[in-house]
Every structure is written in structure tokens, then in C-alpha cells.
Amino acid sequence: MAICIHCQSPVSYVATKYSLADTRIELCPNCRKLSDPYIGKRNISLLKDLVVLKPGVLRHLLFNRADGVALSERFRLVSNGRNGRSNNHSRAASASFRSNTSGTIHLARLASILIVADAFVQWVHCLHDSHHSLTSFFDFLFTALVDAVAYHFGVIIAVRALKAGSHISTTQISLAILYSSFAKLFLLLLLVIADPSSGGHARHARQARQAHTNLLQHLYTALDDNQIDRPWIVNTIVGGMSAGFGLRVLLNTPPITSTLVILAGWATRSLALHVVQLYL
């Protein structure tokens, strides 16, 4: 169901399409604002707002992009005349099938792009590291795939266990995580440009700190600017915060609920990556 991106009130539709070049956004009957100003905007405008995690663009993509636009009677008659007449039942069935199929295809396409980009960033960070310079890119790709699948699995199980957003589909939960990942990916790409060799050295420093028994020494070395693992911080901390924000926008739940969901995803991902490292 479509919603107003401002007050989150459910509406029948957020815009009406009168022709291929004429789409008019409807006013929300509750807050009297335009229901969804993102209707008709280019993808670059949506991407710009996704990077800064604006709630409106997340609500537009998750609720209104697929089923938020209604067709006027005249436009529907013209379209039926062009495509040939068919009965209402077959049109409704085909529209439902196309909606479900397009959502699944969009999810798979977006997940593939983000997984490849995440693997590429991690691979570039390790190119200057002698311990990982010979590691194949496909090892990073496989690790990123396991990471994403385990993380989404843990988050979805936690959402269902907490009974948060019972009307929300599994596809919407995964899309909320993927859309929120653009902020993390943008910061990782900036790290690649600024200091591509920081990831490998910092990772070995972090592993060396884990062997220290002195807690104060561990904290002191962890805060050293030359030994901070920035890619790990961005991927884990910033990525978790952005995913939690996206889930909070989708589920409309208190912060503690989204925090518990993200912690469940972290735990599942850590377990899966630990098992993968035993065999790689």
C-alpha cells in the first residue's frame, strides 16, 4: 500500500498518470502536502538523497515506487486500445505477477551490484598488503556473498521473532538494508581514493592487539590514528547504523527494536564469516 512520505498515512495512490508525459502528484488528505515529491525524479536525485539517508526517499522506494501511481481512465483506455482488449481478471493477474517478479528481479540486481562493489573495495584495500596480494578477487566476492546472505537472514529472522512490521514483506526488509547500504558504500569508496593501503595494515594491527593481555595497552593502541582499521569501522559500525535507520523507517518501530534486529544480523554474520575463514 502506498503511503505519504511526510506523515506516513496510507493512501490509495500518491500520483495519477494522465499520459506518458503528464503525471500529477496527489495531496495527502491528512497533512495536505504532496504525497510523494520523488515521483518522476531521476535516479541520480534519488541516489543523492540515499547517500545522506533521507527518510522520504526510503519511503518512496520501499512503498510507492512500484504501486503508488494510478492510471487515469482515459490513459487506461488508450493503453488497452494499443495493447488489445483483455478481460479484467487476466489484466489483474498479469499485473500482480509483473509486480512480484519485478520486485524480485530488482532485489537480485541491487544485491548483486552492492555485493560486487563491497568485494571490490575490500580487495583494493588488501592489494598493498603482502599477506593478501595474491588472494583472488573471487575469494573476497564469495566472502561478501556469505556476509550479505547471513546478515539478511539474521535480520529477517529477528524481525519475524520480534513481530515487528507483520505487514512488511521479506523483500521490503532486504531492500531497506540494501538501500541504506549506499551511505556505507560511498564512504568505503572515499577511503579507497584517499588511502587504499590503510585496510591491510590496520587489519594486522587489530589482530595483533587481540593477543595483548593488558586492557589499557589494547585501548591505547586501538586509538592510534595509524592503526585504526577505517574500512572495518565504516563497514561494521556505519553500515550497521545506516541499516538500522533504514529498518526503523520501514518498520516504524522504536530505536531499541531496530538495534536488537541489527545485533542479531551482526551475530549471524560473524558466525558465518568465522565458519568461512576456517576453510579459506
C-alpha atoms as a PDB file:
ATOM      1  CA  MET A   1       0.000   0.000   0.000  1.00  0.00           C
ATOM      2  CA  ALA A   2       1.221   3.477  -0.851  1.00  0.00           C
ATOM      3  CA  ILE A   3       1.882   5.985   1.932  1.00  0.00           C
ATOM      4  CA  CYS A   4       2.524   9.693   2.296  1.00  0.00           C
ATOM      5  CA  ILE A   5       6.266  10.129   2.768  1.00  0.00           C
ATOM      6  CA  HIS A   6       5.702  13.020   5.219  1.00  0.00           C
ATOM      7  CA  CYS A   7       3.106  11.750   7.716  1.00  0.00           C
ATOM      8  CA  GLN A   8       3.211   8.056   6.714  1.00  0.00           C
ATOM      9  CA  SER A   9      -0.571   7.913   6.365  1.00  0.00           C
ATOM     10  CA  PRO A  10      -1.770   5.185   3.988  1.00  0.00           C
ATOM     11  CA  VAL A  11      -3.246   6.494   0.756  1.00  0.00           C
ATOM     12  CA  SER A  12      -4.827   4.810  -2.247  1.00  0.00           C
ATOM     13  CA  TYR A  13      -2.171   6.260  -4.542  1.00  0.00           C
ATOM     14  CA  VAL A  14       0.320   9.124  -4.496  1.00  0.00           C
ATOM     15  CA  ALA A  15       0.051  10.216  -8.130  1.00  0.00           C
ATOM     16  CA  THR A  16      -2.163   9.871 -11.183  1.00  0.00           C
ATOM     17  CA  LYS A  17      -0.819   9.241 -14.676  1.00  0.00           C
ATOM     18  CA  TYR A  18      -2.829  11.026 -17.361  1.00  0.00           C
ATOM     19  CA  SER A  19      -0.389  10.457 -20.215  1.00  0.00           C
ATOM     20  CA  LEU A  20       3.175   9.362 -20.809  1.00  0.00           C
ATOM     21  CA  ALA A  21       4.353  12.931 -20.128  1.00  0.00           C
ATOM     22  CA  ASP A  22       1.743  14.007 -17.550  1.00  0.00           C
ATOM     23  CA  THR A  23       1.886  12.587 -14.028  1.00  0.00           C
ATOM     24  CA  ARG A  24       0.294  14.637 -11.253  1.00  0.00           C
ATOM     25  CA  ILE A  25       1.172  14.121  -7.588  1.00  0.00           C
ATOM     26  CA  GLU A  26      -1.801  13.958  -5.236  1.00  0.00           C
ATOM     27  CA  LEU A  27      -2.215  15.835  -1.952  1.00  0.00           C
ATOM     28  CA  CYS A  28      -2.226  13.802   1.234  1.00  0.00           C
ATOM     29  CA  PRO A  29      -5.684  14.073   2.874  1.00  0.00           C
ATOM     30  CA  ASN A  30      -4.067  14.049   6.326  1.00  0.00           C
ATOM     31  CA  CYS A  31      -1.186  16.567   6.198  1.00  0.00           C
ATOM     32  CA  ARG A  32      -2.251  18.381   2.980  1.00  0.00           C
ATOM     33  CA  LYS A  33       1.234  18.083   1.484  1.00  0.00           C
ATOM     34  CA  LEU A  34       2.313  16.439  -1.758  1.00  0.00           C
ATOM     35  CA  SER A  35       2.139  12.721  -1.007  1.00  0.00           C
ATOM     36  CA  ASP A  36       5.417  11.853  -2.734  1.00  0.00           C
ATOM     37  CA  PRO A  37       7.523  14.587  -4.409  1.00  0.00           C
ATOM     38  CA  TYR A  38      10.006  11.926  -5.559  1.00  0.00           C
ATOM     39  CA  ILE A  39       7.566  10.682  -8.213  1.00  0.00           C
ATOM     40  CA  GLY A  40       9.118  11.364 -11.607  1.00  0.00           C
ATOM     41  CA  LYS A  41      12.567  12.307 -10.290  1.00  0.00           C
ATOM     42  CA  ARG A  42      15.689  10.895 -11.891  1.00  0.00           C
ATOM     43  CA  ASN A  43      17.682   8.102 -10.307  1.00  0.00           C
ATOM     44  CA  ILE A  44      20.655  10.401  -9.660  1.00  0.00           C
ATOM     45  CA  SER A  45      18.452  12.579  -7.423  1.00  0.00           C
ATOM     46  CA  LEU A  46      17.283   9.501  -5.540  1.00  0.00           C
ATOM     47  CA  LEU A  47      20.872   8.283  -5.145  1.00  0.00           C
ATOM     48  CA  LYS A  48      21.987  11.648  -3.779  1.00  0.00           C
ATOM     49  CA  ASP A  49      19.331  11.518  -1.057  1.00  0.00           C
ATOM     50  CA  LEU A  50      20.019   7.841  -0.369  1.00  0.00           C
ATOM     51  CA  VAL A  51      23.656   8.603   0.462  1.00  0.00           C
ATOM     52  CA  VAL A  52      22.556  11.070   3.174  1.00  0.00           C
ATOM     53  CA  LEU A  53      19.782   8.687   4.325  1.00  0.00           C
ATOM     54  CA  LYS A  54      16.737  10.918   3.911  1.00  0.00           C
ATOM     55  CA  PRO A  55      13.648   9.110   5.248  1.00  0.00           C
ATOM     56  CA  GLY A  56      11.465  10.396   2.420  1.00  0.00           C
ATOM     57  CA  VAL A  57      13.430   8.717  -0.348  1.00  0.00           C
ATOM     58  CA  LEU A  58      13.463   5.434   1.586  1.00  0.00           C
ATOM     59  CA  ARG A  59       9.673   5.533   1.969  1.00  0.00           C
ATOM     60  CA  HIS A  60       9.308   6.364  -1.714  1.00  0.00           C
ATOM     61  CA  LEU A  61      11.453   3.422  -2.813  1.00  0.00           C
ATOM     62  CA  LEU A  62      10.003   0.927  -0.343  1.00  0.00           C
ATOM     63  CA  PHE A  63       6.299   1.749  -0.575  1.00  0.00           C
ATOM     64  CA  ASN A  64       5.429   3.964  -3.528  1.00  0.00           C
ATOM     65  CA  ARG A  65       7.707   3.234  -6.441  1.00  0.00           C
ATOM     66  CA  ALA A  66       6.022   0.020  -7.570  1.00  0.00           C
ATOM     67  CA  ASP A  67       2.314   0.546  -6.833  1.00  0.00           C
ATOM     68  CA  GLY A  68       1.935   4.218  -5.910  1.00  0.00           C
ATOM     69  CA  VAL A  69       0.910   5.601  -9.309  1.00  0.00           C
ATOM     70  CA  ALA A  70      -2.671   5.178 -10.555  1.00  0.00           C
ATOM     71  CA  LEU A  71      -3.692   5.324 -14.200  1.00  0.00           C
ATOM     72  CA  SER A  72      -6.475   7.676 -15.254  1.00  0.00           C
ATOM     73  CA  GLU A  73      -9.477   6.175 -17.024  1.00  0.00           C
ATOM     74  CA  ARG A  74      -8.573   7.816 -20.314  1.00  0.00           C
ATOM     75  CA  PHE A  75      -4.958   6.662 -20.173  1.00  0.00           C
ATOM     76  CA  ARG A  76      -6.091   3.135 -19.295  1.00  0.00           C
ATOM     77  CA  LEU A  77      -8.469   3.041 -22.248  1.00  0.00           C
ATOM     78  CA  VAL A  78      -5.765   4.298 -24.603  1.00  0.00           C
ATOM     79  CA  SER A  79      -3.306   1.713 -23.264  1.00  0.00           C
ATOM     80  CA  ASN A  80      -5.867  -1.077 -23.634  1.00  0.00           C
ATOM     81  CA  GLY A  81      -6.547   0.050 -27.181  1.00  0.00           C
ATOM     82  CA  ARG A  82      -2.857  -0.116 -28.041  1.00  0.00           C
ATOM     83  CA  ASN A  83      -2.240  -3.469 -26.394  1.00  0.00           C
ATOM     84  CA  GLY A  84      -5.518  -5.096 -27.403  1.00  0.00           C
ATOM     85  CA  ARG A  85      -8.550  -5.834 -25.277  1.00  0.00           C
ATOM     86  CA  SER A  86      -8.404  -8.335 -22.449  1.00  0.00           C
ATOM     87  CA  ASN A  87     -10.674  -9.211 -19.553  1.00  0.00           C
ATOM     88  CA  ASN A  88     -10.276  -7.680 -16.096  1.00  0.00           C
ATOM     89  CA  HIS A  89      -9.273 -10.939 -14.429  1.00  0.00           C
ATOM     90  CA  SER A  90      -6.373 -11.593 -16.787  1.00  0.00           C
ATOM     91  CA  ARG A  91      -5.187  -7.978 -16.508  1.00  0.00           C
ATOM     92  CA  ALA A  92      -5.228  -8.111 -12.694  1.00  0.00           C
ATOM     93  CA  ALA A  93      -3.432 -11.458 -12.613  1.00  0.00           C
ATOM     94  CA  SER A  94      -0.760 -10.319 -15.044  1.00  0.00           C
ATOM     95  CA  ALA A  95      -0.277  -7.032 -13.149  1.00  0.00           C
ATOM     96  CA  SER A  96       0.166  -8.898  -9.853  1.00  0.00           C
ATOM     97  CA  PHE A  97       2.614 -11.328 -11.433  1.00  0.00           C
ATOM     98  CA  ARG A  98       4.614  -8.494 -13.010  1.00  0.00           C
ATOM     99  CA  SER A  99       4.728  -6.627  -9.682  1.00  0.00           C
ATOM    100  CA  ASN A 100       6.056  -9.640  -7.746  1.00  0.00           C
ATOM    101  CA  THR A 101       8.505 -10.598 -10.486  1.00  0.00           C
ATOM    102  CA  SER A 102       9.841  -7.054 -10.920  1.00  0.00           C
ATOM    103  CA  GLY A 103      10.348  -6.737  -7.155  1.00  0.00           C
ATOM    104  CA  THR A 104      12.349  -9.955  -7.029  1.00  0.00           C
ATOM    105  CA  ILE A 105      14.416  -9.028 -10.079  1.00  0.00           C
ATOM    106  CA  HIS A 106      15.106  -5.562  -8.678  1.00  0.00           C
ATOM    107  CA  LEU A 107      16.206  -7.074  -5.361  1.00  0.00           C
ATOM    108  CA  ALA A 108      18.554  -9.546  -7.070  1.00  0.00           C
ATOM    109  CA  ARG A 109      20.027  -6.858  -9.322  1.00  0.00           C
ATOM    110  CA  LEU A 110      20.602  -4.395  -6.491  1.00  0.00           C
ATOM    111  CA  ALA A 111      22.090  -7.077  -4.231  1.00  0.00           C
ATOM    112  CA  SER A 112      24.478  -8.216  -6.978  1.00  0.00           C
ATOM    113  CA  ILE A 113      25.732  -4.673  -7.582  1.00  0.00           C
ATOM    114  CA  LEU A 114      26.329  -3.968  -3.894  1.00  0.00           C
ATOM    115  CA  ILE A 115      27.997  -7.340  -3.227  1.00  0.00           C
ATOM    116  CA  VAL A 116      30.413  -6.895  -6.144  1.00  0.00           C
ATOM    117  CA  ALA A 117      31.155  -3.306  -5.073  1.00  0.00           C
ATOM    118  CA  ASP A 118      31.787  -4.379  -1.465  1.00  0.00           C
ATOM    119  CA  ALA A 119      34.103  -7.177  -2.596  1.00  0.00           C
ATOM    120  CA  PHE A 120      35.981  -4.817  -4.895  1.00  0.00           C
ATOM    121  CA  VAL A 121      36.543  -2.263  -2.125  1.00  0.00           C
ATOM    122  CA  GLN A 122      37.832  -4.926   0.272  1.00  0.00           C
ATOM    123  CA  TRP A 123      40.092  -6.336  -2.451  1.00  0.00           C
ATOM    124  CA  VAL A 124      41.579  -2.926  -3.264  1.00  0.00           C
ATOM    125  CA  HIS A 125      42.328  -2.298   0.417  1.00  0.00           C
ATOM    126  CA  CYS A 126      44.323  -5.538   0.558  1.00  0.00           C
ATOM    127  CA  LEU A 127      46.293  -5.087  -2.679  1.00  0.00           C
ATOM    128  CA  HIS A 128      49.142  -3.295  -0.871  1.00  0.00           C
ATOM    129  CA  ASP A 129      49.265  -5.964   1.827  1.00  0.00           C
ATOM    130  CA  SER A 130      51.882  -8.644   1.174  1.00  0.00           C
ATOM    131  CA  HIS A 131      49.810 -11.229   3.045  1.00  0.00           C
ATOM    132  CA  HIS A 132      46.806 -10.765   0.748  1.00  0.00           C
ATOM    133  CA  SER A 133      48.275  -9.520  -2.505  1.00  0.00           C
ATOM    134  CA  LEU A 134      47.927 -12.965  -4.127  1.00  0.00           C
ATOM    135  CA  THR A 135      44.437 -13.557  -2.802  1.00  0.00           C
ATOM    136  CA  SER A 136      41.949 -13.942  -5.588  1.00  0.00           C
ATOM    137  CA  PHE A 137      39.200 -11.393  -6.055  1.00  0.00           C
ATOM    138  CA  PHE A 138      36.726 -14.266  -6.110  1.00  0.00           C
ATOM    139  CA  ASP A 139      37.621 -15.123  -2.514  1.00  0.00           C
ATOM    140  CA  PHE A 140      36.544 -11.629  -1.491  1.00  0.00           C
ATOM    141  CA  LEU A 141      33.447 -11.964  -3.666  1.00  0.00           C
ATOM    142  CA  PHE A 142      32.496 -15.250  -2.011  1.00  0.00           C
ATOM    143  CA  THR A 143      33.097 -13.766   1.447  1.00  0.00           C
ATOM    144  CA  ALA A 144      30.964 -10.730   0.612  1.00  0.00           C
ATOM    145  CA  LEU A 145      28.193 -13.024  -0.656  1.00  0.00           C
ATOM    146  CA  VAL A 146      28.205 -15.106   2.532  1.00  0.00           C
ATOM    147  CA  ASP A 147      28.342 -11.891   4.588  1.00  0.00           C
ATOM    148  CA  ALA A 148      25.283 -10.422   2.860  1.00  0.00           C
ATOM    149  CA  VAL A 149      23.214 -13.616   2.912  1.00  0.00           C
ATOM    150  CA  ALA A 150      23.924 -14.316   6.591  1.00  0.00           C
ATOM    151  CA  TYR A 151      23.273 -10.702   7.585  1.00  0.00           C
ATOM    152  CA  HIS A 152      19.930 -10.556   5.764  1.00  0.00           C
ATOM    153  CA  PHE A 153      18.943 -13.950   7.149  1.00  0.00           C
ATOM    154  CA  GLY A 154      19.663 -12.868  10.727  1.00  0.00           C
ATOM    155  CA  VAL A 155      17.809  -9.578  10.315  1.00  0.00           C
ATOM    156  CA  ILE A 156      14.733 -11.195   8.757  1.00  0.00           C
ATOM    157  CA  ILE A 157      14.561 -13.883  11.465  1.00  0.00           C
ATOM    158  CA  ALA A 158      14.875 -11.197  14.170  1.00  0.00           C
ATOM    159  CA  VAL A 159      12.131  -9.067  12.607  1.00  0.00           C
ATOM    160  CA  ARG A 160       9.771 -12.036  12.488  1.00  0.00           C
ATOM    161  CA  ALA A 161      10.688 -13.137  16.014  1.00  0.00           C
ATOM    162  CA  LEU A 162      10.016  -9.660  17.431  1.00  0.00           C
ATOM    163  CA  LYS A 163       6.781  -9.470  15.403  1.00  0.00           C
ATOM    164  CA  ALA A 164       7.753  -6.052  14.104  1.00  0.00           C
ATOM    165  CA  GLY A 165       6.029  -4.994  10.912  1.00  0.00           C
ATOM    166  CA  SER A 166       3.887  -8.063  10.337  1.00  0.00           C
ATOM    167  CA  HIS A 167       2.510  -6.462   7.151  1.00  0.00           C
ATOM    168  CA  ILE A 168       6.029  -5.945   5.753  1.00  0.00           C
ATOM    169  CA  SER A 169       7.275  -8.480   3.217  1.00  0.00           C
ATOM    170  CA  THR A 170      10.675 -10.147   3.265  1.00  0.00           C
ATOM    171  CA  THR A 171      11.579  -8.384   0.025  1.00  0.00           C
ATOM    172  CA  GLN A 172      10.948  -4.984   1.602  1.00  0.00           C
ATOM    173  CA  ILE A 173      13.190  -5.837   4.571  1.00  0.00           C
ATOM    174  CA  SER A 174      16.059  -6.815   2.281  1.00  0.00           C
ATOM    175  CA  LEU A 175      15.518  -3.743   0.102  1.00  0.00           C
ATOM    176  CA  ALA A 176      15.623  -1.469   3.156  1.00  0.00           C
ATOM    177  CA  ILE A 177      19.030  -2.896   4.105  1.00  0.00           C
ATOM    178  CA  LEU A 178      20.344  -2.594   0.541  1.00  0.00           C
ATOM    179  CA  TYR A 179      19.107   0.948   0.024  1.00  0.00           C
ATOM    180  CA  SER A 180      20.681   2.006   3.329  1.00  0.00           C
ATOM    181  CA  SER A 181      23.988   0.441   2.266  1.00  0.00           C
ATOM    182  CA  PHE A 182      24.665   3.211  -0.251  1.00  0.00           C
ATOM    183  CA  ALA A 183      25.878   5.501   2.556  1.00  0.00           C
ATOM    184  CA  LYS A 184      28.382   2.867   3.710  1.00  0.00           C
ATOM    185  CA  LEU A 185      29.489   2.128   0.158  1.00  0.00           C
ATOM    186  CA  PHE A 186      30.063   5.811  -0.564  1.00  0.00           C
ATOM    187  CA  LEU A 187      32.357   6.148   2.463  1.00  0.00           C
ATOM    188  CA  LEU A 188      34.253   2.977   1.519  1.00  0.00           C
ATOM    189  CA  LEU A 189      34.860   4.322  -1.981  1.00  0.00           C
ATOM    190  CA  LEU A 190      36.170   7.551  -0.483  1.00  0.00           C
ATOM    191  CA  LEU A 191      38.594   5.504   1.628  1.00  0.00           C
ATOM    192  CA  VAL A 192      39.796   3.705  -1.489  1.00  0.00           C
ATOM    193  CA  ILE A 193      40.571   7.054  -3.128  1.00  0.00           C
ATOM    194  CA  ALA A 194      42.108   8.656  -0.029  1.00  0.00           C
ATOM    195  CA  ASP A 195      44.202   5.774   1.352  1.00  0.00           C
ATOM    196  CA  PRO A 196      43.838   2.427  -0.433  1.00  0.00           C
ATOM    197  CA  SER A 197      46.547   0.769   1.689  1.00  0.00           C
ATOM    198  CA  SER A 198      45.023   1.545   5.087  1.00  0.00           C
ATOM    199  CA  GLY A 199      42.866  -1.566   5.321  1.00  0.00           C
ATOM    200  CA  GLY A 200      45.514  -4.300   5.264  1.00  0.00           C
ATOM    201  CA  HIS A 201      47.971  -2.714   7.713  1.00  0.00           C
ATOM    202  CA  ALA A 202      45.222  -1.767  10.138  1.00  0.00           C
ATOM    203  CA  ARG A 203      43.752  -5.250   9.972  1.00  0.00           C
ATOM    204  CA  HIS A 204      47.052  -6.856  11.017  1.00  0.00           C
ATOM    205  CA  ALA A 205      47.418  -4.285  13.780  1.00  0.00           C
ATOM    206  CA  ARG A 206      43.941  -5.151  15.050  1.00  0.00           C
ATOM    207  CA  GLN A 207      44.764  -8.867  15.026  1.00  0.00           C
ATOM    208  CA  ALA A 208      47.978  -8.174  16.935  1.00  0.00           C
ATOM    209  CA  ARG A 209      46.084  -6.155  19.538  1.00  0.00           C
ATOM    210  CA  GLN A 210      43.779  -9.084  20.197  1.00  0.00           C
ATOM    211  CA  ALA A 211      46.747 -11.008  21.618  1.00  0.00           C
ATOM    212  CA  HIS A 212      47.517  -8.311  24.193  1.00  0.00           C
ATOM    213  CA  THR A 213      46.523  -9.117  27.743  1.00  0.00           C
ATOM    214  CA  ASN A 214      46.847  -5.536  29.015  1.00  0.00           C
ATOM    215  CA  LEU A 215      43.477  -3.826  28.523  1.00  0.00           C
ATOM    216  CA  LEU A 216      44.878  -0.290  28.798  1.00  0.00           C
ATOM    217  CA  GLN A 217      47.560  -1.035  26.233  1.00  0.00           C
ATOM    218  CA  HIS A 218      44.944  -2.549  23.955  1.00  0.00           C
ATOM    219  CA  LEU A 219      42.768   0.567  24.158  1.00  0.00           C
ATOM    220  CA  TYR A 220      45.733   2.887  23.690  1.00  0.00           C
ATOM    221  CA  THR A 221      46.933   1.146  20.535  1.00  0.00           C
ATOM    222  CA  ALA A 222      43.381   0.840  19.238  1.00  0.00           C
ATOM    223  CA  LEU A 223      43.030   4.631  19.290  1.00  0.00           C
ATOM    224  CA  ASP A 224      46.284   5.179  17.421  1.00  0.00           C
ATOM    225  CA  ASP A 225      45.468   7.041  14.211  1.00  0.00           C
ATOM    226  CA  ASN A 226      47.949   4.974  12.210  1.00  0.00           C
ATOM    227  CA  GLN A 227      46.456   1.667  13.344  1.00  0.00           C
ATOM    228  CA  ILE A 228      42.722   2.375  13.137  1.00  0.00           C
ATOM    229  CA  ASP A 229      41.006  -0.017  10.751  1.00  0.00           C
ATOM    230  CA  ARG A 230      38.849   2.543   8.970  1.00  0.00           C
ATOM    231  CA  PRO A 231      37.299   0.131   6.440  1.00  0.00           C
ATOM    232  CA  TRP A 232      36.205  -2.154   9.272  1.00  0.00           C
ATOM    233  CA  ILE A 233      34.677   0.786  11.174  1.00  0.00           C
ATOM    234  CA  VAL A 234      32.797   2.003   8.108  1.00  0.00           C
ATOM    235  CA  ASN A 235      31.656  -1.469   7.051  1.00  0.00           C
ATOM    236  CA  THR A 236      30.584  -2.641  10.506  1.00  0.00           C
ATOM    237  CA  ILE A 237      29.706   0.396  12.626  1.00  0.00           C
ATOM    238  CA  VAL A 238      28.495   2.865   9.998  1.00  0.00           C
ATOM    239  CA  GLY A 239      26.919   0.062   7.953  1.00  0.00           C
ATOM    240  CA  GLY A 240      25.037  -1.208  10.986  1.00  0.00           C
ATOM    241  CA  MET A 241      23.815   2.254  11.946  1.00  0.00           C
ATOM    242  CA  SER A 242      22.603   3.026   8.421  1.00  0.00           C
ATOM    243  CA  ALA A 243      20.861  -0.361   8.123  1.00  0.00           C
ATOM    244  CA  GLY A 244      19.215   0.195  11.494  1.00  0.00           C
ATOM    245  CA  PHE A 245      17.973   3.589  10.329  1.00  0.00           C
ATOM    246  CA  GLY A 246      16.559   2.087   7.140  1.00  0.00           C
ATOM    247  CA  LEU A 247      14.755  -0.648   9.086  1.00  0.00           C
ATOM    248  CA  ARG A 248      13.365   1.896  11.532  1.00  0.00           C
ATOM    249  CA  VAL A 249      11.939   3.885   8.601  1.00  0.00           C
ATOM    250  CA  LEU A 250      10.431   0.732   7.115  1.00  0.00           C
ATOM    251  CA  LEU A 251       9.052  -0.860  10.276  1.00  0.00           C
ATOM    252  CA  ASN A 252       8.205   2.396  12.114  1.00  0.00           C
ATOM    253  CA  THR A 253       9.416   0.890  15.402  1.00  0.00           C
ATOM    254  CA  PRO A 254      11.287   2.306  18.436  1.00  0.00           C
ATOM    255  CA  PRO A 255      15.096   2.548  18.201  1.00  0.00           C
ATOM    256  CA  ILE A 256      15.596  -0.339  20.637  1.00  0.00           C
ATOM    257  CA  THR A 257      13.767  -2.717  18.292  1.00  0.00           C
ATOM    258  CA  SER A 258      15.892  -1.843  15.269  1.00  0.00           C
ATOM    259  CA  THR A 259      19.010  -2.089  17.457  1.00  0.00           C
ATOM    260  CA  LEU A 260      18.130  -5.627  18.524  1.00  0.00           C
ATOM    261  CA  VAL A 261      17.457  -6.565  14.901  1.00  0.00           C
ATOM    262  CA  ILE A 262      20.828  -5.233  13.766  1.00  0.00           C
ATOM    263  CA  LEU A 263      22.632  -7.018  16.615  1.00  0.00           C
ATOM    264  CA  ALA A 264      21.001 -10.271  15.529  1.00  0.00           C
ATOM    265  CA  GLY A 265      22.233  -9.658  11.985  1.00  0.00           C
ATOM    266  CA  TRP A 266      25.745  -8.923  13.253  1.00  0.00           C
ATOM    267  CA  ALA A 267      25.802 -12.128  15.307  1.00  0.00           C
ATOM    268  CA  THR A 268      24.653 -14.247  12.365  1.00  0.00           C
ATOM    269  CA  ARG A 269      27.167 -12.621  10.023  1.00  0.00           C
ATOM    270  CA  SER A 270      30.053 -13.053  12.466  1.00  0.00           C
ATOM    271  CA  LEU A 271      29.246 -16.736  12.889  1.00  0.00           C
ATOM    272  CA  ALA A 272      29.036 -17.287   9.134  1.00  0.00           C
ATOM    273  CA  LEU A 273      32.302 -15.431   8.444  1.00  0.00           C
ATOM    274  CA  HIS A 274      34.051 -17.405  11.186  1.00  0.00           C
ATOM    275  CA  VAL A 275      32.998 -20.645   9.503  1.00  0.00           C
ATOM    276  CA  VAL A 276      34.121 -19.360   6.105  1.00  0.00           C
ATOM    277  CA  GLN A 277      37.568 -18.355   7.439  1.00  0.00           C
ATOM    278  CA  LEU A 278      38.118 -21.912   8.650  1.00  0.00           C
ATOM    279  CA  TYR A 279      38.004 -23.145   5.055  1.00  0.00           C
ATOM    280  CA  LEU A 280      39.639 -20.239   3.173  1.00  0.00           C
END
